[in-house]
Amino acid sequence: MFKTTLKIASGSALLALVMPLAAAQNVQFNLGHTLAPDSHYQVAGQKLAEKVAERSNGQMKINLFPQSQLGGEVKMIQAARTGALDMFITAQAPMVNTVKAYSLFDVPYLFDNLDQANKVLAGPVGQQFIDMLPKYNLVGLGFLSAMERNVFSSRPIKSQTDMNGMKLRVMQSPGYVTAYKALGSLPTPMAYGDLYLSLQQGVVDGGDTSPDQFVMDKFSEVSKFYNITRVHYLPALLIMSKARWDKLSPEQQKILKESADEALVYARDYYKKSYDESIARMQAAGVTVVRPELGTLREATKGEVQALLKQIPDGQALYQAVQEAK
């Protein structure tokens, strides 16, 4: 009797142990993003995958899909909301259609510099925006580095007056278009993929992008001035499908969150290093880096801030929270 009981108990115990282990070994997540394999998006994903595997003893795995292999940012956002995609990294701008309050980051001169932007996003203000996501069937795992968007052009910008009449391709969000109109330029709608040829042919005078994208997309071949205008800082986020998150055990959720925290710090440091390296690389390619007097630029956009805030849910309160957190 003792032997029979022991055999049954042992068999049950073995089955109970083996089943969760087998299930845990098959926990895999697909993570998509739109940037290149040498971008800070990819670095964040790689570090996340490394830390998740380490903390779970190899029982959790993240598969990375860069360069829009799983679709553009809008498509990935919708896929994650329905549970069809596990995780993705996105810039803030495509999130605005889902979470209107995210358009706060389109307000010009919201931040003074890259370090300040990252400090605010990594603190309680950033958490406010993360806390908005579950309502839309998403779970925010944190912010990557904000991306400093500066104007590259066919002529130098030393003050606001140099922007008068300048045709610039900028993102077609109200905050960007309004800001650049206030600066005296002519925001010109255009697909990003058409910008290189348009610069080459003189259809536009320039555009706005971060230093790393300027270098990676070879704009140094068709634009000889990169102006540190600092009009906008574009945040990026690591986001998970809430449907997938809710199916995880508390221990698995903890592993993901702790790994994400570590990966995002690593990726922010990587971006800061790549920012400096990109400035050096564009200068080596013959691009003149111009540092305009920012006071005239800020002053030109100042009158547009309140109008933009009125279009944003809780815009004034969120704006004030950012100011206090600087």
C-alpha atoms as a PDB file:
ATOM      1  CA  MET A   1       0.000   0.000   0.000  1.00  0.00           C
ATOM      2  CA  PHE A   2       2.797   2.362   0.962  1.00  0.00           C
ATOM      3  CA  LYS A   3       4.606   1.671  -2.329  1.00  0.00           C
ATOM      4  CA  THR A   4       1.466   2.244  -4.382  1.00  0.00           C
ATOM      5  CA  THR A   5       0.656   5.511  -2.603  1.00  0.00           C
ATOM      6  CA  LEU A   6       4.215   6.691  -2.973  1.00  0.00           C
ATOM      7  CA  LYS A   7       4.186   5.862  -6.677  1.00  0.00           C
ATOM      8  CA  ILE A   8       0.972   7.793  -7.282  1.00  0.00           C
ATOM      9  CA  ALA A   9       2.156  10.778  -5.239  1.00  0.00           C
ATOM     10  CA  SER A  10       5.484  10.796  -6.987  1.00  0.00           C
ATOM     11  CA  GLY A  11       3.825  10.572 -10.392  1.00  0.00           C
ATOM     12  CA  SER A  12       1.478  13.457  -9.574  1.00  0.00           C
ATOM     13  CA  ALA A  13       4.301  15.538  -8.186  1.00  0.00           C
ATOM     14  CA  LEU A  14       6.407  14.820 -11.255  1.00  0.00           C
ATOM     15  CA  LEU A  15       3.531  15.749 -13.567  1.00  0.00           C
ATOM     16  CA  ALA A  16       2.916  18.957 -11.626  1.00  0.00           C
ATOM     17  CA  LEU A  17       6.568  19.893 -11.902  1.00  0.00           C
ATOM     18  CA  VAL A  18       7.064  18.956 -15.538  1.00  0.00           C
ATOM     19  CA  MET A  19       3.985  20.706 -16.946  1.00  0.00           C
ATOM     20  CA  PRO A  20       4.757  24.243 -15.732  1.00  0.00           C
ATOM     21  CA  LEU A  21       8.395  23.782 -16.662  1.00  0.00           C
ATOM     22  CA  ALA A  22       7.491  22.691 -20.180  1.00  0.00           C
ATOM     23  CA  ALA A  23       5.068  25.594 -20.491  1.00  0.00           C
ATOM     24  CA  ALA A  24       7.638  28.066 -19.163  1.00  0.00           C
ATOM     25  CA  GLN A  25      10.227  26.857 -21.653  1.00  0.00           C
ATOM     26  CA  ASN A  26       7.856  27.808 -24.464  1.00  0.00           C
ATOM     27  CA  VAL A  27       7.215  31.392 -23.335  1.00  0.00           C
ATOM     28  CA  GLN A  28       8.329  33.470 -26.293  1.00  0.00           C
ATOM     29  CA  PHE A  29       7.598  37.063 -27.258  1.00  0.00           C
ATOM     30  CA  ASN A  30       7.884  38.776 -30.622  1.00  0.00           C
ATOM     31  CA  LEU A  31       9.146  42.360 -30.381  1.00  0.00           C
ATOM     32  CA  GLY A  32       8.959  44.627 -33.434  1.00  0.00           C
ATOM     33  CA  HIS A  33      10.341  48.058 -34.260  1.00  0.00           C
ATOM     34  CA  THR A  34      10.961  50.168 -37.365  1.00  0.00           C
ATOM     35  CA  LEU A  35      14.627  51.180 -37.060  1.00  0.00           C
ATOM     36  CA  ALA A  36      17.871  49.645 -38.281  1.00  0.00           C
ATOM     37  CA  PRO A  37      19.795  46.824 -36.557  1.00  0.00           C
ATOM     38  CA  ASP A  38      22.401  49.327 -35.304  1.00  0.00           C
ATOM     39  CA  SER A  39      19.815  51.662 -33.736  1.00  0.00           C
ATOM     40  CA  HIS A  40      19.176  52.263 -30.039  1.00  0.00           C
ATOM     41  CA  TYR A  41      15.781  50.543 -30.527  1.00  0.00           C
ATOM     42  CA  GLN A  42      17.568  47.325 -31.458  1.00  0.00           C
ATOM     43  CA  VAL A  43      20.082  47.748 -28.641  1.00  0.00           C
ATOM     44  CA  ALA A  44      17.200  48.081 -26.163  1.00  0.00           C
ATOM     45  CA  GLY A  45      15.581  44.931 -27.545  1.00  0.00           C
ATOM     46  CA  GLN A  46      18.813  42.953 -27.454  1.00  0.00           C
ATOM     47  CA  LYS A  47      19.564  43.931 -23.872  1.00  0.00           C
ATOM     48  CA  LEU A  48      15.975  43.130 -22.874  1.00  0.00           C
ATOM     49  CA  ALA A  49      16.216  39.680 -24.493  1.00  0.00           C
ATOM     50  CA  GLU A  50      19.545  39.039 -22.779  1.00  0.00           C
ATOM     51  CA  LYS A  51      18.289  40.019 -19.321  1.00  0.00           C
ATOM     52  CA  VAL A  52      14.982  38.169 -19.658  1.00  0.00           C
ATOM     53  CA  ALA A  53      16.795  34.965 -20.667  1.00  0.00           C
ATOM     54  CA  GLU A  54      19.236  35.415 -17.797  1.00  0.00           C
ATOM     55  CA  ARG A  55      16.588  36.036 -15.127  1.00  0.00           C
ATOM     56  CA  SER A  56      14.339  33.201 -16.334  1.00  0.00           C
ATOM     57  CA  ASN A  57      17.171  30.683 -16.762  1.00  0.00           C
ATOM     58  CA  GLY A  58      16.411  30.522 -20.465  1.00  0.00           C
ATOM     59  CA  GLN A  59      12.707  29.787 -19.988  1.00  0.00           C
ATOM     60  CA  MET A  60      11.588  33.096 -21.518  1.00  0.00           C
ATOM     61  CA  LYS A  61      12.733  34.223 -24.948  1.00  0.00           C
ATOM     62  CA  ILE A  62      12.301  37.451 -26.937  1.00  0.00           C
ATOM     63  CA  ASN A  63      12.523  37.376 -30.730  1.00  0.00           C
ATOM     64  CA  LEU A  64      13.485  40.697 -32.349  1.00  0.00           C
ATOM     65  CA  PHE A  65      12.112  41.996 -35.652  1.00  0.00           C
ATOM     66  CA  PRO A  66      13.719  45.322 -36.699  1.00  0.00           C
ATOM     67  CA  GLN A  67      13.153  47.462 -39.801  1.00  0.00           C
ATOM     68  CA  SER A  68       9.344  47.205 -39.905  1.00  0.00           C
ATOM     69  CA  GLN A  69       9.337  43.419 -40.413  1.00  0.00           C
ATOM     70  CA  LEU A  70       6.122  43.292 -38.360  1.00  0.00           C
ATOM     71  CA  GLY A  71       4.695  46.453 -39.925  1.00  0.00           C
ATOM     72  CA  GLY A  72       4.936  50.181 -39.326  1.00  0.00           C
ATOM     73  CA  GLU A  73       4.393  51.730 -35.926  1.00  0.00           C
ATOM     74  CA  VAL A  74       0.653  52.382 -36.370  1.00  0.00           C
ATOM     75  CA  LYS A  75       0.098  48.798 -37.490  1.00  0.00           C
ATOM     76  CA  MET A  76       2.090  47.410 -34.542  1.00  0.00           C
ATOM     77  CA  ILE A  77       0.168  49.563 -32.059  1.00  0.00           C
ATOM     78  CA  GLN A  78      -3.144  48.220 -33.349  1.00  0.00           C
ATOM     79  CA  ALA A  79      -1.840  44.634 -33.437  1.00  0.00           C
ATOM     80  CA  ALA A  80      -0.711  44.845 -29.816  1.00  0.00           C
ATOM     81  CA  ARG A  81      -4.049  46.327 -28.740  1.00  0.00           C
ATOM     82  CA  THR A  82      -5.844  43.300 -30.182  1.00  0.00           C
ATOM     83  CA  GLY A  83      -3.305  40.846 -28.763  1.00  0.00           C
ATOM     84  CA  ALA A  84      -1.891  39.894 -32.179  1.00  0.00           C
ATOM     85  CA  LEU A  85       1.585  41.273 -31.337  1.00  0.00           C
ATOM     86  CA  ASP A  86       3.396  40.795 -28.038  1.00  0.00           C
ATOM     87  CA  MET A  87       5.687  43.809 -27.816  1.00  0.00           C
ATOM     88  CA  PHE A  88       6.939  46.767 -29.819  1.00  0.00           C
ATOM     89  CA  ILE A  89       9.032  49.913 -29.625  1.00  0.00           C
ATOM     90  CA  THR A  90       7.561  53.085 -31.037  1.00  0.00           C
ATOM     91  CA  ALA A  91       8.182  56.794 -31.192  1.00  0.00           C
ATOM     92  CA  GLN A  92       5.583  58.892 -29.369  1.00  0.00           C
ATOM     93  CA  ALA A  93       4.072  60.523 -32.460  1.00  0.00           C
ATOM     94  CA  PRO A  94       2.236  57.421 -33.800  1.00  0.00           C
ATOM     95  CA  MET A  95       0.744  56.935 -30.304  1.00  0.00           C
ATOM     96  CA  VAL A  96      -1.205  60.207 -30.516  1.00  0.00           C
ATOM     97  CA  ASN A  97      -4.063  58.657 -32.490  1.00  0.00           C
ATOM     98  CA  THR A  98      -4.525  56.163 -29.650  1.00  0.00           C
ATOM     99  CA  VAL A  99      -3.744  58.377 -26.641  1.00  0.00           C
ATOM    100  CA  LYS A 100      -4.493  62.020 -27.418  1.00  0.00           C
ATOM    101  CA  ALA A 101      -2.607  63.277 -24.343  1.00  0.00           C
ATOM    102  CA  TYR A 102       0.658  62.053 -25.911  1.00  0.00           C
ATOM    103  CA  SER A 103       0.497  65.071 -28.217  1.00  0.00           C
ATOM    104  CA  LEU A 104       1.922  67.082 -25.304  1.00  0.00           C
ATOM    105  CA  PHE A 105       5.361  66.059 -26.603  1.00  0.00           C
ATOM    106  CA  ASP A 106       4.640  67.892 -29.866  1.00  0.00           C
ATOM    107  CA  VAL A 107       4.677  71.235 -28.021  1.00  0.00           C
ATOM    108  CA  PRO A 108       7.807  73.174 -29.074  1.00  0.00           C
ATOM    109  CA  TYR A 109      10.611  73.683 -26.571  1.00  0.00           C
ATOM    110  CA  LEU A 110       8.972  71.437 -23.983  1.00  0.00           C
ATOM    111  CA  PHE A 111      12.483  70.393 -22.898  1.00  0.00           C
ATOM    112  CA  ASP A 112      15.774  72.294 -22.860  1.00  0.00           C
ATOM    113  CA  ASN A 113      18.154  69.431 -23.623  1.00  0.00           C
ATOM    114  CA  LEU A 114      18.445  65.662 -23.982  1.00  0.00           C
ATOM    115  CA  ASP A 115      19.478  64.931 -20.388  1.00  0.00           C
ATOM    116  CA  GLN A 116      16.565  66.956 -19.043  1.00  0.00           C
ATOM    117  CA  ALA A 117      14.073  65.202 -21.328  1.00  0.00           C
ATOM    118  CA  ASN A 118      15.292  61.761 -20.257  1.00  0.00           C
ATOM    119  CA  LYS A 119      15.259  62.707 -16.583  1.00  0.00           C
ATOM    120  CA  VAL A 120      11.620  63.836 -16.793  1.00  0.00           C
ATOM    121  CA  LEU A 121      10.537  60.786 -18.797  1.00  0.00           C
ATOM    122  CA  ALA A 122      12.244  58.393 -16.373  1.00  0.00           C
ATOM    123  CA  GLY A 123      10.458  59.981 -13.393  1.00  0.00           C
ATOM    124  CA  PRO A 124       6.880  60.477 -12.140  1.00  0.00           C
ATOM    125  CA  VAL A 125       5.828  62.512 -15.199  1.00  0.00           C
ATOM    126  CA  GLY A 126       6.849  59.693 -17.533  1.00  0.00           C
ATOM    127  CA  GLN A 127       4.957  57.279 -15.288  1.00  0.00           C
ATOM    128  CA  GLN A 128       1.803  59.379 -15.719  1.00  0.00           C
ATOM    129  CA  PHE A 129       1.967  58.692 -19.434  1.00  0.00           C
ATOM    130  CA  ILE A 130       2.732  54.995 -18.876  1.00  0.00           C
ATOM    131  CA  ASP A 131      -0.336  54.784 -16.603  1.00  0.00           C
ATOM    132  CA  MET A 132      -2.576  55.995 -19.450  1.00  0.00           C
ATOM    133  CA  LEU A 133      -1.921  52.877 -21.548  1.00  0.00           C
ATOM    134  CA  PRO A 134      -3.865  49.996 -19.884  1.00  0.00           C
ATOM    135  CA  LYS A 135      -7.134  51.717 -20.801  1.00  0.00           C
ATOM    136  CA  TYR A 136      -6.131  51.107 -24.437  1.00  0.00           C
ATOM    137  CA  ASN A 137      -5.138  47.445 -23.886  1.00  0.00           C
ATOM    138  CA  LEU A 138      -1.432  48.280 -23.703  1.00  0.00           C
ATOM    139  CA  VAL A 139       1.165  48.050 -20.931  1.00  0.00           C
ATOM    140  CA  GLY A 140       4.086  50.468 -20.938  1.00  0.00           C
ATOM    141  CA  LEU A 141       7.413  49.013 -19.840  1.00  0.00           C
ATOM    142  CA  GLY A 142       9.160  52.394 -19.968  1.00  0.00           C
ATOM    143  CA  PHE A 143      10.763  55.102 -22.092  1.00  0.00           C
ATOM    144  CA  LEU A 144      13.857  54.803 -24.227  1.00  0.00           C
ATOM    145  CA  SER A 145      15.846  57.966 -24.852  1.00  0.00           C
ATOM    146  CA  ALA A 146      14.036  60.955 -26.266  1.00  0.00           C
ATOM    147  CA  MET A 147      15.387  61.822 -29.729  1.00  0.00           C
ATOM    148  CA  GLU A 148      16.507  65.406 -30.242  1.00  0.00           C
ATOM    149  CA  ARG A 149      15.141  66.647 -33.563  1.00  0.00           C
ATOM    150  CA  ASN A 150      17.147  69.389 -35.225  1.00  0.00           C
ATOM    151  CA  VAL A 151      16.882  71.124 -38.603  1.00  0.00           C
ATOM    152  CA  PHE A 152      19.223  70.134 -41.418  1.00  0.00           C
ATOM    153  CA  SER A 153      19.275  72.535 -44.342  1.00  0.00           C
ATOM    154  CA  SER A 154      20.882  73.963 -47.462  1.00  0.00           C
ATOM    155  CA  ARG A 155      21.842  77.131 -45.597  1.00  0.00           C
ATOM    156  CA  PRO A 156      22.859  77.820 -41.983  1.00  0.00           C
ATOM    157  CA  ILE A 157      20.410  78.840 -39.268  1.00  0.00           C
ATOM    158  CA  LYS A 158      21.994  81.217 -36.771  1.00  0.00           C
ATOM    159  CA  SER A 159      18.781  82.819 -35.507  1.00  0.00           C
ATOM    160  CA  GLN A 160      15.036  82.785 -36.184  1.00  0.00           C
ATOM    161  CA  THR A 161      15.257  85.168 -39.125  1.00  0.00           C
ATOM    162  CA  ASP A 162      17.359  82.644 -41.062  1.00  0.00           C
ATOM    163  CA  MET A 163      14.335  80.324 -41.106  1.00  0.00           C
ATOM    164  CA  ASN A 164      12.048  82.799 -42.876  1.00  0.00           C
ATOM    165  CA  GLY A 165      10.700  81.226 -46.066  1.00  0.00           C
ATOM    166  CA  MET A 166      12.660  78.020 -45.616  1.00  0.00           C
ATOM    167  CA  LYS A 167      10.801  74.995 -47.024  1.00  0.00           C
ATOM    168  CA  LEU A 168      11.126  72.209 -44.467  1.00  0.00           C
ATOM    169  CA  ARG A 169       9.775  68.694 -44.357  1.00  0.00           C
ATOM    170  CA  VAL A 170       8.614  68.094 -40.775  1.00  0.00           C
ATOM    171  CA  MET A 171       6.249  65.591 -39.178  1.00  0.00           C
ATOM    172  CA  GLN A 172       2.661  66.466 -40.019  1.00  0.00           C
ATOM    173  CA  SER A 173       1.389  66.802 -36.457  1.00  0.00           C
ATOM    174  CA  PRO A 174      -0.254  70.058 -35.323  1.00  0.00           C
ATOM    175  CA  GLY A 175       2.519  70.809 -32.821  1.00  0.00           C
ATOM    176  CA  TYR A 176       5.273  70.455 -35.410  1.00  0.00           C
ATOM    177  CA  VAL A 177       3.485  72.315 -38.201  1.00  0.00           C
ATOM    178  CA  THR A 178       2.410  75.143 -35.884  1.00  0.00           C
ATOM    179  CA  ALA A 179       5.898  75.489 -34.402  1.00  0.00           C
ATOM    180  CA  TYR A 180       7.664  75.690 -37.755  1.00  0.00           C
ATOM    181  CA  LYS A 181       5.144  78.156 -39.147  1.00  0.00           C
ATOM    182  CA  ALA A 182       5.766  80.336 -36.085  1.00  0.00           C
ATOM    183  CA  LEU A 183       9.494  80.099 -36.826  1.00  0.00           C
ATOM    184  CA  GLY A 184       8.826  81.596 -40.265  1.00  0.00           C
ATOM    185  CA  SER A 185       9.424  78.461 -42.305  1.00  0.00           C
ATOM    186  CA  LEU A 186       7.076  76.702 -44.708  1.00  0.00           C
ATOM    187  CA  PRO A 187       6.292  73.201 -43.386  1.00  0.00           C
ATOM    188  CA  THR A 188       6.036  71.043 -46.508  1.00  0.00           C
ATOM    189  CA  PRO A 189       4.096  67.735 -46.469  1.00  0.00           C
ATOM    190  CA  MET A 190       6.194  64.917 -47.860  1.00  0.00           C
ATOM    191  CA  ALA A 191       6.817  61.206 -47.257  1.00  0.00           C
ATOM    192  CA  TYR A 192      10.075  60.706 -45.382  1.00  0.00           C
ATOM    193  CA  GLY A 193      11.244  58.323 -48.112  1.00  0.00           C
ATOM    194  CA  ASP A 194      10.984  61.120 -50.692  1.00  0.00           C
ATOM    195  CA  LEU A 195      13.028  63.617 -48.707  1.00  0.00           C
ATOM    196  CA  TYR A 196      16.516  62.648 -49.922  1.00  0.00           C
ATOM    197  CA  LEU A 197      15.639  63.115 -53.598  1.00  0.00           C
ATOM    198  CA  SER A 198      13.703  66.326 -52.867  1.00  0.00           C
ATOM    199  CA  LEU A 199      16.753  67.790 -51.129  1.00  0.00           C
ATOM    200  CA  GLN A 200      18.950  66.731 -54.031  1.00  0.00           C
ATOM    201  CA  GLN A 201      16.609  68.430 -56.508  1.00  0.00           C
ATOM    202  CA  GLY A 202      16.097  71.561 -54.388  1.00  0.00           C
ATOM    203  CA  VAL A 203      12.357  70.961 -53.936  1.00  0.00           C
ATOM    204  CA  VAL A 204      12.783  71.574 -50.205  1.00  0.00           C
ATOM    205  CA  ASP A 205      15.488  73.366 -48.217  1.00  0.00           C
ATOM    206  CA  GLY A 206      15.696  70.852 -45.395  1.00  0.00           C
ATOM    207  CA  GLY A 207      13.920  68.847 -42.751  1.00  0.00           C
ATOM    208  CA  ASP A 208      14.139  67.868 -39.094  1.00  0.00           C
ATOM    209  CA  THR A 209      15.551  64.683 -37.624  1.00  0.00           C
ATOM    210  CA  SER A 210      17.894  63.397 -34.931  1.00  0.00           C
ATOM    211  CA  PRO A 211      21.682  63.266 -35.479  1.00  0.00           C
ATOM    212  CA  ASP A 212      21.792  59.469 -35.726  1.00  0.00           C
ATOM    213  CA  GLN A 213      19.036  59.345 -38.354  1.00  0.00           C
ATOM    214  CA  PHE A 214      20.707  62.147 -40.305  1.00  0.00           C
ATOM    215  CA  VAL A 215      23.866  60.059 -40.548  1.00  0.00           C
ATOM    216  CA  MET A 216      22.203  56.659 -41.074  1.00  0.00           C
ATOM    217  CA  ASP A 217      19.971  57.999 -43.859  1.00  0.00           C
ATOM    218  CA  LYS A 218      22.968  59.673 -45.578  1.00  0.00           C
ATOM    219  CA  PHE A 219      21.505  63.183 -45.591  1.00  0.00           C
ATOM    220  CA  SER A 220      25.076  64.495 -45.330  1.00  0.00           C
ATOM    221  CA  GLU A 221      25.297  63.839 -49.072  1.00  0.00           C
ATOM    222  CA  VAL A 222      22.515  66.337 -49.873  1.00  0.00           C
ATOM    223  CA  SER A 223      22.457  68.747 -46.913  1.00  0.00           C
ATOM    224  CA  LYS A 224      25.521  70.644 -45.729  1.00  0.00           C
ATOM    225  CA  PHE A 225      24.218  72.262 -42.524  1.00  0.00           C
ATOM    226  CA  TYR A 226      22.945  70.582 -39.371  1.00  0.00           C
ATOM    227  CA  ASN A 227      21.500  73.165 -36.991  1.00  0.00           C
ATOM    228  CA  ILE A 228      21.082  72.357 -33.279  1.00  0.00           C
ATOM    229  CA  THR A 229      17.625  73.963 -33.009  1.00  0.00           C
ATOM    230  CA  ARG A 230      16.208  71.621 -30.311  1.00  0.00           C
ATOM    231  CA  VAL A 231      12.604  72.463 -31.214  1.00  0.00           C
ATOM    232  CA  HIS A 232      11.277  69.011 -30.308  1.00  0.00           C
ATOM    233  CA  TYR A 233      12.327  65.961 -28.332  1.00  0.00           C
ATOM    234  CA  LEU A 234      10.606  62.833 -29.614  1.00  0.00           C
ATOM    235  CA  PRO A 235      10.208  60.189 -26.888  1.00  0.00           C
ATOM    236  CA  ALA A 236      10.224  56.466 -27.638  1.00  0.00           C
ATOM    237  CA  LEU A 237       8.534  53.745 -25.618  1.00  0.00           C
ATOM    238  CA  LEU A 238       8.720  50.002 -25.030  1.00  0.00           C
ATOM    239  CA  ILE A 239       5.146  48.693 -24.940  1.00  0.00           C
ATOM    240  CA  MET A 240       3.504  45.302 -24.466  1.00  0.00           C
ATOM    241  CA  SER A 241       0.083  43.953 -25.352  1.00  0.00           C
ATOM    242  CA  LYS A 242      -2.067  43.955 -22.203  1.00  0.00           C
ATOM    243  CA  ALA A 243      -3.754  40.754 -23.372  1.00  0.00           C
ATOM    244  CA  ARG A 244      -0.370  39.004 -23.372  1.00  0.00           C
ATOM    245  CA  TRP A 245       0.785  40.676 -20.155  1.00  0.00           C
ATOM    246  CA  ASP A 246      -2.315  39.525 -18.285  1.00  0.00           C
ATOM    247  CA  LYS A 247      -1.618  35.889 -19.214  1.00  0.00           C
ATOM    248  CA  LEU A 248       1.793  35.955 -17.534  1.00  0.00           C
ATOM    249  CA  SER A 249       2.432  34.853 -13.982  1.00  0.00           C
ATOM    250  CA  PRO A 250       3.435  37.515 -11.419  1.00  0.00           C
ATOM    251  CA  GLU A 251       6.980  36.115 -11.532  1.00  0.00           C
ATOM    252  CA  GLN A 252       7.136  36.395 -15.335  1.00  0.00           C
ATOM    253  CA  GLN A 253       5.786  39.953 -15.173  1.00  0.00           C
ATOM    254  CA  LYS A 254       8.451  40.812 -12.598  1.00  0.00           C
ATOM    255  CA  ILE A 255      11.181  39.368 -14.813  1.00  0.00           C
ATOM    256  CA  LEU A 256       9.996  41.417 -17.779  1.00  0.00           C
ATOM    257  CA  LYS A 257       9.676  44.657 -15.818  1.00  0.00           C
ATOM    258  CA  GLU A 258      13.052  44.385 -14.088  1.00  0.00           C
ATOM    259  CA  SER A 259      14.742  43.419 -17.349  1.00  0.00           C
ATOM    260  CA  ALA A 260      13.062  46.333 -19.154  1.00  0.00           C
ATOM    261  CA  ASP A 261      14.216  48.806 -16.505  1.00  0.00           C
ATOM    262  CA  GLU A 262      17.801  47.666 -16.974  1.00  0.00           C
ATOM    263  CA  ALA A 263      17.591  47.536 -20.789  1.00  0.00           C
ATOM    264  CA  LEU A 264      16.130  51.038 -21.060  1.00  0.00           C
ATOM    265  CA  VAL A 265      18.883  52.601 -18.948  1.00  0.00           C
ATOM    266  CA  TYR A 266      21.429  50.841 -21.147  1.00  0.00           C
ATOM    267  CA  ALA A 267      19.707  52.046 -24.336  1.00  0.00           C
ATOM    268  CA  ARG A 268      19.524  55.652 -23.110  1.00  0.00           C
ATOM    269  CA  ASP A 269      23.273  55.615 -22.487  1.00  0.00           C
ATOM    270  CA  TYR A 270      23.826  54.074 -25.925  1.00  0.00           C
ATOM    271  CA  TYR A 271      21.762  56.802 -27.599  1.00  0.00           C
ATOM    272  CA  LYS A 272      23.685  59.567 -25.853  1.00  0.00           C
ATOM    273  CA  LYS A 273      26.938  58.045 -27.058  1.00  0.00           C
ATOM    274  CA  SER A 274      25.566  57.628 -30.608  1.00  0.00           C
ATOM    275  CA  TYR A 275      24.395  61.263 -30.549  1.00  0.00           C
ATOM    276  CA  ASP A 276      27.970  62.464 -29.963  1.00  0.00           C
ATOM    277  CA  GLU A 277      29.396  60.007 -32.480  1.00  0.00           C
ATOM    278  CA  SER A 278      26.857  61.079 -35.122  1.00  0.00           C
ATOM    279  CA  ILE A 279      27.768  64.755 -34.711  1.00  0.00           C
ATOM    280  CA  ALA A 280      31.431  63.828 -35.192  1.00  0.00           C
ATOM    281  CA  ARG A 281      30.644  61.652 -38.223  1.00  0.00           C
ATOM    282  CA  MET A 282      28.611  64.318 -40.014  1.00  0.00           C
ATOM    283  CA  GLN A 283      31.371  66.861 -39.430  1.00  0.00           C
ATOM    284  CA  ALA A 284      33.903  64.419 -40.850  1.00  0.00           C
ATOM    285  CA  ALA A 285      31.659  64.126 -43.930  1.00  0.00           C
ATOM    286  CA  GLY A 286      31.848  67.891 -44.491  1.00  0.00           C
ATOM    287  CA  VAL A 287      28.620  68.973 -42.759  1.00  0.00           C
ATOM    288  CA  THR A 288      28.813  72.216 -40.786  1.00  0.00           C
ATOM    289  CA  VAL A 289      27.184  71.903 -37.366  1.00  0.00           C
ATOM    290  CA  VAL A 290      25.568  75.223 -36.465  1.00  0.00           C
ATOM    291  CA  ARG A 291      24.539  76.160 -32.931  1.00  0.00           C
ATOM    292  CA  PRO A 292      21.985  78.974 -33.293  1.00  0.00           C
ATOM    293  CA  GLU A 293      21.013  81.429 -30.597  1.00  0.00           C
ATOM    294  CA  LEU A 294      18.018  79.539 -29.214  1.00  0.00           C
ATOM    295  CA  GLY A 295      16.411  82.503 -27.463  1.00  0.00           C
ATOM    296  CA  THR A 296      15.020  83.904 -30.715  1.00  0.00           C
ATOM    297  CA  LEU A 297      13.623  80.491 -31.691  1.00  0.00           C
ATOM    298  CA  ARG A 298      11.943  79.904 -28.346  1.00  0.00           C
ATOM    299  CA  GLU A 299      10.463  83.386 -28.347  1.00  0.00           C
ATOM    300  CA  ALA A 300       8.976  82.892 -31.824  1.00  0.00           C
ATOM    301  CA  THR A 301       7.087  79.751 -30.748  1.00  0.00           C
ATOM    302  CA  LYS A 302       6.061  80.968 -27.291  1.00  0.00           C
ATOM    303  CA  GLY A 303       2.725  82.386 -28.404  1.00  0.00           C
ATOM    304  CA  GLU A 304       1.625  79.020 -29.853  1.00  0.00           C
ATOM    305  CA  VAL A 305       2.064  76.958 -26.697  1.00  0.00           C
ATOM    306  CA  GLN A 306      -1.230  77.825 -24.986  1.00  0.00           C
ATOM    307  CA  ALA A 307      -3.241  77.247 -28.162  1.00  0.00           C
ATOM    308  CA  LEU A 308      -1.686  73.797 -28.531  1.00  0.00           C
ATOM    309  CA  LEU A 309      -2.275  72.914 -24.881  1.00  0.00           C
ATOM    310  CA  LYS A 310      -5.988  73.630 -25.258  1.00  0.00           C
ATOM    311  CA  GLN A 311      -6.191  70.845 -27.852  1.00  0.00           C
ATOM    312  CA  ILE A 312      -4.667  68.278 -25.457  1.00  0.00           C
ATOM    313  CA  PRO A 313      -6.667  66.481 -22.717  1.00  0.00           C
ATOM    314  CA  ASP A 314      -5.412  67.891 -19.384  1.00  0.00           C
ATOM    315  CA  GLY A 315      -2.840  69.735 -21.465  1.00  0.00           C
ATOM    316  CA  GLN A 316      -2.208  72.573 -19.034  1.00  0.00           C
ATOM    317  CA  ALA A 317      -1.805  70.251 -16.039  1.00  0.00           C
ATOM    318  CA  LEU A 318       0.521  67.907 -17.912  1.00  0.00           C
ATOM    319  CA  TYR A 319       2.573  70.827 -19.219  1.00  0.00           C
ATOM    320  CA  GLN A 320       2.885  72.219 -15.701  1.00  0.00           C
ATOM    321  CA  ALA A 321       3.975  68.812 -14.390  1.00  0.00           C
ATOM    322  CA  VAL A 322       6.787  68.756 -16.957  1.00  0.00           C
ATOM    323  CA  GLN A 323       7.897  72.276 -16.009  1.00  0.00           C
ATOM    324  CA  GLU A 324       8.019  71.362 -12.320  1.00  0.00           C
ATOM    325  CA  ALA A 325       9.952  68.155 -13.012  1.00  0.00           C
ATOM    326  CA  LYS A 326      12.756  69.813 -15.005  1.00  0.00           C
END
